[in-house]
Amino acid sequence: MVKGLFAASCLLSLVSWYTTQQGMALYLSVWFSLLASLGVQTALVLVAWLIGFTKSRRGLLIAVYAVTAMVSVAFSYVSLYTWFSARERPAAAQRKLYDTLNDATGATQALVNAALGESRKHVLALEEMTVAEKSHGYISRSQDADPYLDKVRGAVGREARTYDGAYRDGPGTGLRYTAFDRYTKLAKESSARLEAAERSLTAFRGALKPLDSTESQLRAFRQVYDAIPWSDVEEATHAARFDRPAVPAYADFVDHSASGQEDLLLAFEELFTAPTGRHAFSFALAAFIDVIVFLLAFASGPHFSGSAGQRWVSASAAIDSVDTQVFTSGFLRKLTPGARGIASVEARILTPGEQQLCLLLAARKLAIADENADGVIYRIDHAAHEELLESLSTQRFPLRAAASRATM
């Protein structure tokens, strides 16, 4: 089971390393991101193992792991979010733009249809005025409730007065009749332009698809929008000023980023300003991987820590219910020099844990058991003696406390 946990931590570390490297690659060069991510992930696993079996400086190790994990999670989140958004963001942006363009097209069609209706009324009214001017005359002298038609009547009257009475006012095909006929033709042309704009808007709305690219949707809308005769709309609706439907800005509906750095900035900007389920899932997955790596390494690390001799000492110390260094210190105090300077200890003065250690050393041929008149004497191998002594090079609090209690 321990080996399985160790293998699982290694596999998840590879996943975390890959996502971290992909996130760093958005901002750094390939080689820099490869080396940096490898260093970050190696530090994560090794520090997690150290926290599992090291009792000294655990606070410093936890701080190092926290900082390293923040870097790993941040870049892993960017990598995962970019991977998800590369498939989902274009469709979401395109659907949103589709709805916006539908609304803008509908508002524009409403304006154009209103102007077209008024323009058709103007055409009919001007045709009637032209016939009435020819039959009865004096049409330009009267006023009209419609601002556009009243403007035409006034324009025809002013035009006739510029000829200083050369053309009399009355029935017939005179100057006023010709002017009304000209304005009728102009009104028909304006109405034709509005009809063409209305047909273009209808055709655009029918051809618009929600999964078309942002660029193609905006380009098609802009072509139709710019072709609308806004001056005719303004004149026909008698509006001195009116609000045109706004053309959507491309920056609000970006479906593809221009560079990896833009992906990185967008990922963090949207996470803190307008988080969605995709942001939360990406961040949770990135954090989950590193948390699981820490827990697996923390659980399996102690079983792989130190040499076999160190684990024997730890097990023997557990039999005596004392700290490992306290146990080692007490055992070394009982060693005395024997023949040829070999460390020796009498079996009768050993504690149960020390006896188990000596038996194991003898079984591993790291100690020799001799019998004499006083009993069994264990002669410890130089290498085993050296390893035991070196284990006390870094003293911990239990050892110092034990020493202080011995002197009191």
Protein backbone atom coordinates (compact mmCIF):
# COMPACT_ATOMS: atom_id res chain seq x y z
CA MET A 1 0.00 0.00 0.00
CA VAL A 2 2.82 2.38 0.80
CA LYS A 3 4.44 1.69 -2.54
CA GLY A 4 1.09 2.28 -4.22
CA LEU A 5 0.74 5.66 -2.47
CA PHE A 6 4.26 6.54 -3.51
CA ALA A 7 3.51 5.63 -7.16
CA ALA A 8 0.25 7.62 -7.05
CA SER A 9 2.06 10.70 -5.75
CA CYS A 10 4.61 10.39 -8.54
CA LEU A 11 1.90 10.09 -11.20
CA LEU A 12 -0.05 13.07 -9.89
CA SER A 13 3.21 15.01 -9.65
CA LEU A 14 3.70 14.43 -13.37
CA VAL A 15 0.21 15.78 -14.04
CA SER A 16 0.84 18.82 -11.85
CA TRP A 17 4.22 19.38 -13.49
CA TYR A 18 2.68 19.27 -16.97
CA THR A 19 -0.10 21.74 -16.13
CA THR A 20 2.37 24.05 -14.38
CA GLN A 21 4.73 23.90 -17.36
CA GLN A 22 1.91 24.65 -19.80
CA GLY A 23 0.83 27.62 -17.71
CA MET A 24 4.37 29.00 -17.48
CA ALA A 25 4.84 28.47 -21.22
CA LEU A 26 2.17 31.12 -21.81
CA TYR A 27 4.48 33.72 -20.30
CA LEU A 28 8.02 32.30 -20.46
CA SER A 29 10.02 30.63 -23.18
CA VAL A 30 9.76 26.86 -23.56
CA TRP A 31 13.10 26.08 -21.89
CA PHE A 32 12.56 28.51 -19.02
CA SER A 33 9.09 27.13 -18.34
CA LEU A 34 10.36 23.54 -18.53
CA LEU A 35 13.17 24.09 -16.03
CA ALA A 36 11.14 26.31 -13.72
CA SER A 37 8.17 23.94 -13.58
CA LEU A 38 10.48 20.96 -13.01
CA GLY A 39 12.11 22.77 -10.10
CA VAL A 40 8.78 23.81 -8.61
CA GLN A 41 7.29 20.31 -8.81
CA THR A 42 10.42 18.62 -7.47
CA ALA A 43 10.44 21.02 -4.53
CA LEU A 44 6.76 20.30 -3.87
CA VAL A 45 7.21 16.54 -3.64
CA LEU A 46 10.48 16.59 -1.69
CA VAL A 47 9.26 19.18 0.80
CA ALA A 48 6.06 17.16 1.33
CA TRP A 49 8.17 14.08 2.05
CA LEU A 50 10.40 16.06 4.43
CA ILE A 51 7.38 17.39 6.32
CA GLY A 52 6.21 13.80 6.75
CA PHE A 53 9.28 12.46 8.55
CA THR A 54 11.17 15.56 9.77
CA LYS A 55 10.19 17.12 13.05
CA SER A 56 12.76 19.92 13.05
CA ARG A 57 12.10 23.15 11.13
CA ARG A 58 8.65 22.03 10.10
CA GLY A 59 7.40 25.62 10.11
CA LEU A 60 10.01 26.63 7.56
CA LEU A 61 9.25 23.60 5.42
CA ILE A 62 5.51 24.34 5.51
CA ALA A 63 6.18 27.95 4.51
CA VAL A 64 8.35 26.79 1.60
CA TYR A 65 5.66 24.34 0.51
CA ALA A 66 2.93 27.01 0.74
CA VAL A 67 4.84 29.47 -1.45
CA THR A 68 5.80 26.77 -3.95
CA ALA A 69 2.24 25.42 -4.03
CA MET A 70 0.89 28.92 -4.73
CA VAL A 71 3.12 29.18 -7.80
CA SER A 72 2.19 25.69 -8.96
CA VAL A 73 -1.55 26.16 -8.41
CA ALA A 74 -1.56 29.58 -10.11
CA PHE A 75 0.10 28.38 -13.30
CA SER A 76 -1.79 25.08 -13.28
CA TYR A 77 -5.04 27.04 -13.02
CA VAL A 78 -4.04 29.21 -15.99
CA SER A 79 -3.17 26.13 -18.02
CA LEU A 80 -6.41 24.30 -17.20
CA TYR A 81 -8.58 27.39 -17.69
CA THR A 82 -6.94 28.16 -21.03
CA TRP A 83 -7.43 24.55 -22.09
CA PHE A 84 -11.11 24.64 -21.14
CA SER A 85 -11.76 28.14 -22.49
CA ALA A 86 -10.07 27.37 -25.81
CA ARG A 87 -12.97 25.00 -26.44
CA GLU A 88 -15.80 26.81 -24.70
CA ARG A 89 -14.97 30.53 -24.83
CA PRO A 90 -15.33 30.90 -28.64
CA ALA A 91 -18.79 29.30 -28.58
CA ALA A 92 -19.87 31.38 -25.57
CA ALA A 93 -18.60 34.62 -27.13
CA GLN A 94 -20.21 33.80 -30.48
CA ARG A 95 -23.58 32.97 -28.92
CA LYS A 96 -23.48 36.15 -26.86
CA LEU A 97 -22.62 38.21 -29.94
CA TYR A 98 -25.42 36.46 -31.85
CA ASP A 99 -27.96 37.61 -29.25
CA THR A 100 -26.52 41.13 -29.22
CA LEU A 101 -26.59 41.40 -33.01
CA ASN A 102 -30.16 40.11 -33.08
CA ASP A 103 -31.18 42.84 -30.65
CA ALA A 104 -29.28 45.52 -32.59
CA THR A 105 -30.72 44.31 -35.91
CA GLY A 106 -34.23 44.30 -34.47
CA ALA A 107 -33.86 47.86 -33.18
CA THR A 108 -32.42 48.99 -36.51
CA GLN A 109 -35.22 47.30 -38.44
CA ALA A 110 -37.78 49.06 -36.26
CA LEU A 111 -36.26 52.44 -37.16
CA VAL A 112 -36.00 51.61 -40.85
CA ASN A 113 -39.54 50.23 -41.02
CA ALA A 114 -40.91 53.33 -39.29
CA ALA A 115 -39.01 55.54 -41.74
CA LEU A 116 -40.15 53.42 -44.69
CA GLY A 117 -43.78 53.73 -43.66
CA GLU A 118 -43.48 57.50 -43.42
CA SER A 119 -41.61 57.64 -46.72
CA ARG A 120 -44.37 55.78 -48.52
CA LYS A 121 -46.90 58.23 -47.11
CA HIS A 122 -44.76 61.09 -48.39
CA VAL A 123 -44.60 59.58 -51.86
CA LEU A 124 -48.39 59.24 -52.04
CA ALA A 125 -48.91 62.73 -50.68
CA LEU A 126 -46.43 64.27 -53.14
CA GLU A 127 -48.04 62.45 -56.06
CA GLU A 128 -51.39 63.87 -55.04
CA MET A 129 -49.85 67.36 -54.65
CA THR A 130 -48.31 67.12 -58.11
CA VAL A 131 -51.67 66.24 -59.66
CA ALA A 132 -53.44 68.92 -57.61
CA GLU A 133 -50.87 71.54 -58.60
CA LYS A 134 -51.41 70.73 -62.25
CA SER A 135 -55.19 70.75 -61.91
CA HIS A 136 -55.82 73.54 -59.43
CA GLY A 137 -52.52 75.25 -58.54
CA TYR A 138 -51.76 77.25 -55.38
CA ILE A 139 -50.60 74.07 -53.53
CA SER A 140 -47.30 75.65 -52.43
CA ARG A 141 -49.13 78.48 -50.66
CA SER A 142 -50.80 76.26 -48.10
CA GLN A 143 -49.26 74.66 -45.01
CA ASP A 144 -49.12 70.96 -44.08
CA ALA A 145 -49.35 69.16 -40.74
CA ASP A 146 -46.58 66.78 -41.79
CA PRO A 147 -43.19 68.48 -41.23
CA TYR A 148 -41.63 66.89 -44.31
CA LEU A 149 -44.51 67.83 -46.65
CA ASP A 150 -44.69 71.32 -45.15
CA LYS A 151 -40.98 71.68 -45.84
CA VAL A 152 -41.54 70.65 -49.50
CA ARG A 153 -44.41 73.12 -49.95
CA GLY A 154 -42.25 75.90 -48.57
CA ALA A 155 -39.29 74.93 -50.75
CA VAL A 156 -41.44 74.94 -53.89
CA GLY A 157 -42.89 78.34 -53.00
CA ARG A 158 -39.48 79.89 -52.37
CA GLU A 159 -38.14 78.42 -55.60
CA ALA A 160 -41.05 79.97 -57.57
CA ARG A 161 -40.54 83.39 -56.00
CA THR A 162 -36.95 83.51 -57.20
CA TYR A 163 -38.23 83.98 -60.73
CA ASP A 164 -39.79 87.37 -59.88
CA GLY A 165 -43.24 86.53 -61.04
CA ALA A 166 -42.23 85.24 -64.45
CA TYR A 167 -44.36 82.19 -63.77
CA ARG A 168 -47.87 82.83 -62.60
CA ASP A 169 -49.43 80.82 -59.82
CA GLY A 170 -52.28 78.63 -60.98
CA PRO A 171 -53.21 75.40 -62.73
CA GLY A 172 -51.04 73.89 -65.45
CA THR A 173 -47.66 72.36 -65.93
CA GLY A 174 -45.63 75.27 -64.74
CA LEU A 175 -42.66 75.68 -62.46
CA ARG A 176 -44.48 74.62 -59.32
CA TYR A 177 -45.80 71.47 -60.95
CA THR A 178 -42.27 70.60 -62.12
CA ALA A 179 -40.87 71.17 -58.60
CA PHE A 180 -43.51 68.95 -56.98
CA ASP A 181 -42.82 66.26 -59.55
CA ARG A 182 -39.08 66.44 -58.78
CA TYR A 183 -39.65 66.12 -55.04
CA THR A 184 -41.91 63.15 -55.72
CA LYS A 185 -39.11 61.42 -57.60
CA LEU A 186 -36.67 62.18 -54.77
CA ALA A 187 -39.10 60.76 -52.23
CA LYS A 188 -39.46 57.60 -54.33
CA GLU A 189 -35.67 57.20 -54.46
CA SER A 190 -35.46 57.65 -50.70
CA SER A 191 -38.21 55.09 -50.22
CA ALA A 192 -36.37 52.68 -52.53
CA ARG A 193 -33.18 53.05 -50.49
CA LEU A 194 -35.07 52.36 -47.29
CA GLU A 195 -36.70 49.29 -48.84
CA ALA A 196 -33.27 47.99 -49.91
CA ALA A 197 -31.93 48.58 -46.37
CA GLU A 198 -34.91 46.74 -44.88
CA ARG A 199 -34.34 43.79 -47.21
CA SER A 200 -30.63 43.71 -46.32
CA LEU A 201 -31.44 43.65 -42.61
CA THR A 202 -33.96 40.85 -43.08
CA ALA A 203 -31.49 38.82 -45.15
CA PHE A 204 -28.71 39.37 -42.60
CA ARG A 205 -30.93 38.30 -39.74
CA GLY A 206 -31.94 35.16 -41.58
CA ALA A 207 -28.36 34.23 -42.47
CA LEU A 208 -26.94 34.95 -38.99
CA LYS A 209 -25.80 31.81 -37.16
CA PRO A 210 -24.83 31.59 -33.46
CA LEU A 211 -21.65 29.58 -34.10
CA ASP A 212 -20.22 31.84 -36.80
CA SER A 213 -16.94 33.45 -35.78
CA THR A 214 -17.03 36.80 -34.06
CA GLU A 215 -15.16 38.44 -36.90
CA SER A 216 -17.51 37.18 -39.63
CA GLN A 217 -20.63 38.13 -37.67
CA LEU A 218 -19.39 41.64 -36.97
CA ARG A 219 -18.14 42.15 -40.54
CA ALA A 220 -21.50 41.11 -42.03
CA PHE A 221 -23.42 43.34 -39.60
CA ARG A 222 -21.14 46.28 -40.27
CA GLN A 223 -21.67 46.00 -44.02
CA VAL A 224 -25.44 46.07 -43.63
CA TYR A 225 -25.36 48.74 -40.94
CA ASP A 226 -23.13 51.13 -42.89
CA ALA A 227 -25.33 50.79 -46.00
CA ILE A 228 -28.42 52.09 -44.18
CA PRO A 229 -29.38 55.61 -45.45
CA TRP A 230 -29.51 57.20 -42.02
CA SER A 231 -30.16 60.66 -43.48
CA ASP A 232 -33.31 59.30 -45.16
CA VAL A 233 -34.37 57.68 -41.87
CA GLU A 234 -33.87 60.97 -40.06
CA GLU A 235 -35.76 62.95 -42.69
CA ALA A 236 -38.65 60.51 -42.97
CA THR A 237 -39.19 60.18 -39.23
CA HIS A 238 -38.98 63.98 -38.69
CA ALA A 239 -36.35 63.43 -35.98
CA ALA A 240 -33.67 66.07 -35.69
CA ARG A 241 -31.61 63.63 -33.65
CA PHE A 242 -32.17 60.03 -32.69
CA ASP A 243 -30.07 57.29 -31.08
CA ARG A 244 -28.79 54.79 -33.55
CA PRO A 245 -28.38 51.20 -32.33
CA ALA A 246 -24.76 50.78 -31.24
CA VAL A 247 -22.46 48.51 -33.21
CA PRO A 248 -21.03 45.83 -30.84
CA ALA A 249 -17.33 46.28 -30.11
CA TYR A 250 -15.06 43.41 -31.03
CA ALA A 251 -13.18 43.70 -27.72
CA ASP A 252 -16.36 42.75 -25.83
CA PHE A 253 -16.77 39.50 -27.78
CA VAL A 254 -13.23 38.23 -28.30
CA ASP A 255 -13.37 34.51 -29.10
CA HIS A 256 -9.63 33.92 -29.57
CA SER A 257 -6.72 35.50 -27.72
CA ALA A 258 -3.80 36.97 -29.61
CA SER A 259 -1.03 35.49 -27.46
CA GLY A 260 -0.32 33.27 -24.48
CA GLN A 261 0.33 36.29 -22.27
CA GLU A 262 -3.16 37.56 -23.05
CA ASP A 263 -4.56 34.16 -22.01
CA LEU A 264 -2.67 34.40 -18.71
CA LEU A 265 -3.93 37.92 -17.98
CA LEU A 266 -7.50 37.07 -18.98
CA ALA A 267 -7.52 34.00 -16.73
CA PHE A 268 -6.60 35.99 -13.60
CA GLU A 269 -8.64 39.08 -14.52
CA GLU A 270 -11.84 37.08 -15.03
CA LEU A 271 -11.17 34.99 -11.90
CA PHE A 272 -11.19 38.09 -9.67
CA THR A 273 -13.73 40.26 -11.56
CA ALA A 274 -16.32 37.95 -13.11
CA PRO A 275 -15.73 34.34 -12.01
CA THR A 276 -17.85 31.63 -13.58
CA GLY A 277 -18.18 27.91 -13.04
CA ARG A 278 -15.35 27.32 -15.49
CA HIS A 279 -12.98 29.51 -13.45
CA ALA A 280 -13.96 27.83 -10.17
CA PHE A 281 -13.62 24.33 -11.62
CA SER A 282 -10.19 25.08 -13.13
CA PHE A 283 -8.88 26.56 -9.88
CA ALA A 284 -10.34 23.76 -7.74
CA LEU A 285 -8.84 21.09 -10.00
CA ALA A 286 -5.42 22.76 -9.94
CA ALA A 287 -5.50 23.03 -6.13
CA PHE A 288 -6.88 19.49 -5.75
CA ILE A 289 -3.95 17.96 -7.64
CA ASP A 290 -1.34 19.66 -5.46
CA VAL A 291 -3.24 18.93 -2.24
CA ILE A 292 -3.48 15.24 -3.11
CA VAL A 293 0.22 15.20 -4.06
CA PHE A 294 1.05 16.67 -0.64
CA LEU A 295 -1.13 14.21 1.26
CA LEU A 296 0.20 11.17 -0.60
CA ALA A 297 3.82 12.26 -0.26
CA PHE A 298 3.26 13.18 3.39
CA ALA A 299 1.77 9.74 4.09
CA SER A 300 4.29 7.66 2.14
CA GLY A 301 7.44 9.68 2.77
CA PRO A 302 8.21 8.45 6.29
CA HIS A 303 8.23 4.84 5.10
CA PHE A 304 11.04 5.63 2.66
CA SER A 305 13.03 7.96 4.89
CA GLY A 306 16.48 7.16 6.19
CA SER A 307 18.54 3.99 5.97
CA ALA A 308 17.57 0.56 7.25
CA GLY A 309 19.77 1.10 10.33
CA GLN A 310 17.92 4.29 11.21
CA ARG A 311 14.59 2.51 11.00
CA TRP A 312 15.94 -0.29 13.26
CA VAL A 313 16.93 2.31 15.84
CA SER A 314 13.50 3.98 15.60
CA ALA A 315 11.73 0.66 16.11
CA SER A 316 13.98 -0.25 19.06
CA ALA A 317 13.38 3.18 20.61
CA ALA A 318 9.62 2.59 20.24
CA ILE A 319 9.98 -0.61 22.32
CA ASP A 320 11.51 1.44 25.15
CA SER A 321 8.96 4.26 24.60
CA VAL A 322 11.65 6.92 24.27
CA ASP A 323 12.76 9.33 21.60
CA THR A 324 15.11 7.95 18.96
CA GLN A 325 17.98 10.26 19.88
CA VAL A 326 17.48 9.68 23.59
CA PHE A 327 17.58 5.94 22.91
CA THR A 328 20.73 6.24 20.76
CA SER A 329 22.45 8.43 23.34
CA GLY A 330 21.70 5.98 26.14
CA PHE A 331 22.89 3.02 24.07
CA LEU A 332 26.16 4.74 23.10
CA ARG A 333 26.90 5.58 26.77
CA LYS A 334 26.90 1.86 27.52
CA LEU A 335 29.49 1.05 24.87
CA THR A 336 33.02 0.43 26.11
CA PRO A 337 36.23 -0.22 24.17
CA GLY A 338 37.06 -3.87 23.68
CA ALA A 339 39.82 -5.74 21.89
CA ARG A 340 41.37 -3.78 19.02
CA GLY A 341 39.21 -0.78 19.92
CA ILE A 342 35.94 -2.48 18.95
CA ALA A 343 32.92 -1.03 20.76
CA SER A 344 31.46 -3.60 23.13
CA VAL A 345 28.49 -3.78 25.48
CA GLU A 346 27.34 -6.35 28.00
CA ALA A 347 23.93 -7.87 27.31
CA ARG A 348 22.91 -7.77 30.98
CA ILE A 349 22.85 -3.96 31.09
CA LEU A 350 20.77 -3.52 27.90
CA THR A 351 17.15 -2.44 27.85
CA PRO A 352 14.62 -4.52 25.91
CA GLY A 353 14.82 -2.18 22.92
CA GLU A 354 18.63 -2.19 22.99
CA GLN A 355 18.65 -5.98 23.14
CA GLN A 356 16.45 -6.14 20.02
CA LEU A 357 18.79 -3.78 18.22
CA CYS A 358 21.87 -5.83 19.13
CA LEU A 359 20.14 -9.05 18.06
CA LEU A 360 19.28 -7.51 14.69
CA LEU A 361 22.82 -6.16 14.24
CA ALA A 362 24.20 -9.60 15.01
CA ALA A 363 21.81 -11.21 12.52
CA ARG A 364 22.93 -8.73 9.86
CA LYS A 365 26.59 -9.46 10.73
CA LEU A 366 27.05 -5.90 11.97
CA ALA A 367 27.78 -7.19 15.48
CA ILE A 368 29.29 -10.30 17.07
CA ALA A 369 27.93 -11.98 20.20
CA ASP A 370 30.65 -13.46 22.45
CA GLU A 371 30.11 -15.39 25.65
CA ASN A 372 32.37 -15.22 28.71
CA ALA A 373 32.10 -15.77 32.43
CA ASP A 374 30.10 -12.56 32.88
CA GLY A 375 27.59 -13.40 30.14
CA VAL A 376 27.06 -12.31 26.53
CA ILE A 377 29.01 -9.39 25.13
CA TYR A 378 28.04 -7.73 21.82
CA ARG A 379 30.89 -6.29 19.77
CA ILE A 380 29.52 -3.62 17.39
CA ASP A 381 30.90 -3.20 13.87
CA HIS A 382 32.78 0.06 13.16
CA ALA A 383 30.32 1.09 10.41
CA ALA A 384 27.26 0.55 12.61
CA HIS A 385 28.94 2.37 15.50
CA GLU A 386 29.82 5.28 13.23
CA GLU A 387 26.25 5.56 11.88
CA LEU A 388 24.81 5.58 15.40
CA LEU A 389 27.19 8.29 16.51
CA GLU A 390 26.57 10.46 13.42
CA SER A 391 22.80 10.33 14.02
CA LEU A 392 23.38 12.53 17.08
CA SER A 393 25.14 15.27 15.12
CA THR A 394 21.92 17.33 15.05
CA GLN A 395 20.42 17.38 18.52
CA ARG A 396 16.71 17.91 19.03
CA PHE A 397 14.78 19.17 22.02
CA PRO A 398 14.02 15.73 23.56
CA LEU A 399 17.72 14.93 23.73
CA ARG A 400 18.59 18.26 25.37
CA ALA A 401 15.73 17.84 27.79
CA ALA A 402 16.87 14.34 28.68
CA ALA A 403 20.38 15.59 29.27
CA SER A 404 19.18 18.41 31.52
CA ARG A 405 17.08 16.00 33.55
CA ALA A 406 20.08 13.71 33.99
CA THR A 407 22.15 16.52 35.49
CA MET A 408 19.48 17.68 37.91
